[in-house]
C-alpha atoms as a PDB file:
ATOM      1  CA  MET A   1      96.651 102.857  86.691  1.00  0.00           C
ATOM      2  CA  LYS A   2      97.673 103.730  89.792  1.00  0.00           C
ATOM      3  CA  ASN A   3      95.436 105.026  92.247  1.00  0.00           C
ATOM      4  CA  THR A   4      95.273 106.705  95.283  1.00  0.00           C
ATOM      5  CA  ILE A   5      93.825 105.288  98.689  1.00  0.00           C
ATOM      6  CA  GLN A   6      93.195 107.912 101.221  1.00  0.00           C
ATOM      7  CA  ILE A   7      93.642 107.205 104.970  1.00  0.00           C
ATOM      8  CA  SER A   8      92.663 109.661 108.515  1.00  0.00           C
ATOM      9  CA  LEU A   9      95.085 109.807 110.878  1.00  0.00           C
ATOM     10  CA  PRO A  10      95.059 112.182 113.624  1.00  0.00           C
ATOM     11  CA  GLU A  11      97.582 115.513 112.599  1.00  0.00           C
ATOM     12  CA  SER A  12      99.768 114.687 115.825  1.00  0.00           C
ATOM     13  CA  LYS A  13     100.288 111.035 114.807  1.00  0.00           C
ATOM     14  CA  ILE A  14     101.160 112.136 111.118  1.00  0.00           C
ATOM     15  CA  SER A  15     103.752 114.688 112.797  1.00  0.00           C
ATOM     16  CA  ALA A  16     105.358 112.500 114.718  1.00  0.00           C
ATOM     17  CA  LEU A  17     105.806 110.103 111.956  1.00  0.00           C
ATOM     18  CA  ARG A  18     106.808 112.893 108.956  1.00  0.00           C
ATOM     19  CA  MET A  19     109.932 113.144 112.378  1.00  0.00           C
ATOM     20  CA  TYR A  20     111.267 109.781 112.439  1.00  0.00           C
ATOM     21  CA  LEU A  21     110.744 108.828 109.204  1.00  0.00           C
ATOM     22  CA  THR A  22     113.167 112.465 108.667  1.00  0.00           C
ATOM     23  CA  GLN A  23     115.410 110.687 110.826  1.00  0.00           C
ATOM     24  CA  LYS A  24     116.232 107.405 108.831  1.00  0.00           C
ATOM     25  CA  ASN A  25     115.788 109.216 106.182  1.00  0.00           C
ATOM     26  CA  THR A  26     112.718 108.318 104.326  1.00  0.00           C
ATOM     27  CA  THR A  27     109.055 109.762 103.928  1.00  0.00           C
ATOM     28  CA  LEU A  28     106.113 108.675 105.132  1.00  0.00           C
ATOM     29  CA  GLU A  29     104.447 107.917 101.293  1.00  0.00           C
ATOM     30  CA  CYS A  30     107.532 106.016 100.702  1.00  0.00           C
ATOM     31  CA  GLU A  31     107.252 103.564 103.912  1.00  0.00           C
ATOM     32  CA  LEU A  32     103.248 103.270 103.195  1.00  0.00           C
ATOM     33  CA  SER A  33     104.263 102.303  99.302  1.00  0.00           C
ATOM     34  CA  ARG A  34     106.935  99.732 100.683  1.00  0.00           C
ATOM     35  CA  TYR A  35     104.415  98.362 103.082  1.00  0.00           C
ATOM     36  CA  THR A  36     101.715  98.014 100.409  1.00  0.00           C
ATOM     37  CA  GLU A  37     103.674  96.451  98.103  1.00  0.00           C
ATOM     38  CA  GLN A  38     104.311  93.954 101.515  1.00  0.00           C
ATOM     39  CA  LEU A  39     100.479  93.622 102.395  1.00  0.00           C
ATOM     40  CA  TYR A  40      99.848  92.830  98.059  1.00  0.00           C
ATOM     41  CA  GLY A  41     102.620  89.795  98.429  1.00  0.00           C
ATOM     42  CA  LYS A  42     101.424  88.730 101.421  1.00  0.00           C
ATOM     43  CA  ILE A  43      97.683  89.302 100.689  1.00  0.00           C
ATOM     44  CA  VAL A  44      96.827  88.225  96.661  1.00  0.00           C
ATOM     45  CA  PRO A  45      98.122  84.717  95.140  1.00  0.00           C
ATOM     46  CA  GLN A  46     101.241  84.121  93.351  1.00  0.00           C
ATOM     47  CA  ASN A  47      99.472  83.122  89.842  1.00  0.00           C
ATOM     48  CA  VAL A  48      97.518  86.318  90.250  1.00  0.00           C
ATOM     49  CA  ARG A  49     100.492  88.400  90.186  1.00  0.00           C
ATOM     50  CA  GLU A  50     101.615  86.711  88.516  1.00  0.00           C
ATOM     51  CA  PHE A  51      98.362  87.355  85.660  1.00  0.00           C
ATOM     52  CA  ILE A  52      98.227  90.754  86.477  1.00  0.00           C
ATOM     53  CA  GLU A  53     102.157  91.121  85.518  1.00  0.00           C
ATOM     54  CA  MET A  54     101.458  89.450  82.492  1.00  0.00           C
ATOM     55  CA  THR A  55      98.721  91.516  81.625  1.00  0.00           C
ATOM     56  CA  ALA A  56     100.957  94.920  82.172  1.00  0.00           C
ATOM     57  CA  LYS A  57     103.418  94.492  80.272  1.00  0.00           C
ATOM     58  CA  LYS A  58     101.593  93.683  77.089  1.00  0.00           C
ATOM     59  CA  PRO A  59     101.684  96.810  74.356  1.00  0.00           C
ATOM     60  CA  ALA A  60      98.302  98.641  74.161  1.00  0.00           C
ATOM     61  CA  SER A  61      98.120  97.522  70.148  1.00  0.00           C
ATOM     62  CA  ASP A  62      98.454  93.420  71.244  1.00  0.00           C
ATOM     63  CA  LYS A  63      95.055  94.326  72.747  1.00  0.00           C
ATOM     64  CA  PRO A  64      92.517  94.215  70.325  1.00  0.00           C
ATOM     65  CA  GLU A  65      90.156  96.409  69.176  1.00  0.00           C
ATOM     66  CA  ARG A  66      86.579  96.471  69.758  1.00  0.00           C
ATOM     67  CA  LYS A  67      84.169  97.477  67.563  1.00  0.00           C
ATOM     68  CA  ALA A  68      81.120  99.313  68.306  1.00  0.00           C
ATOM     69  CA  GLN A  69      78.002  96.915  67.851  1.00  0.00           C
ATOM     70  CA  THR A  70      74.538  98.309  65.912  1.00  0.00           C
ATOM     71  CA  PRO A  71      71.612  97.667  67.300  1.00  0.00           C
ATOM     72  CA  HIS A  72      70.168  94.588  65.628  1.00  0.00           C
ATOM     73  CA  GLU A  73      66.738  95.736  64.159  1.00  0.00           C
ATOM     74  CA  PRO A  74      64.246  93.011  63.942  1.00  0.00           C
ATOM     75  CA  ASP A  75      63.126  90.623  60.719  1.00  0.00           C
END
């Protein structure tokens, strides 16, 4: 599952970024995505990243199903 992050920046700065990024054959979205991956690699410990990768690769069928618990009736 992917989440969306929203940031606020003056329109003039966004326009300037888009203009110069176009000259470099890239987009603001691409650069922000690349930067967030770099930030993730820098901030999140390696063992946590590996755990997240392992759990993300696990097929949905491997996850145990949770059964709905029936309320316990007093004796």
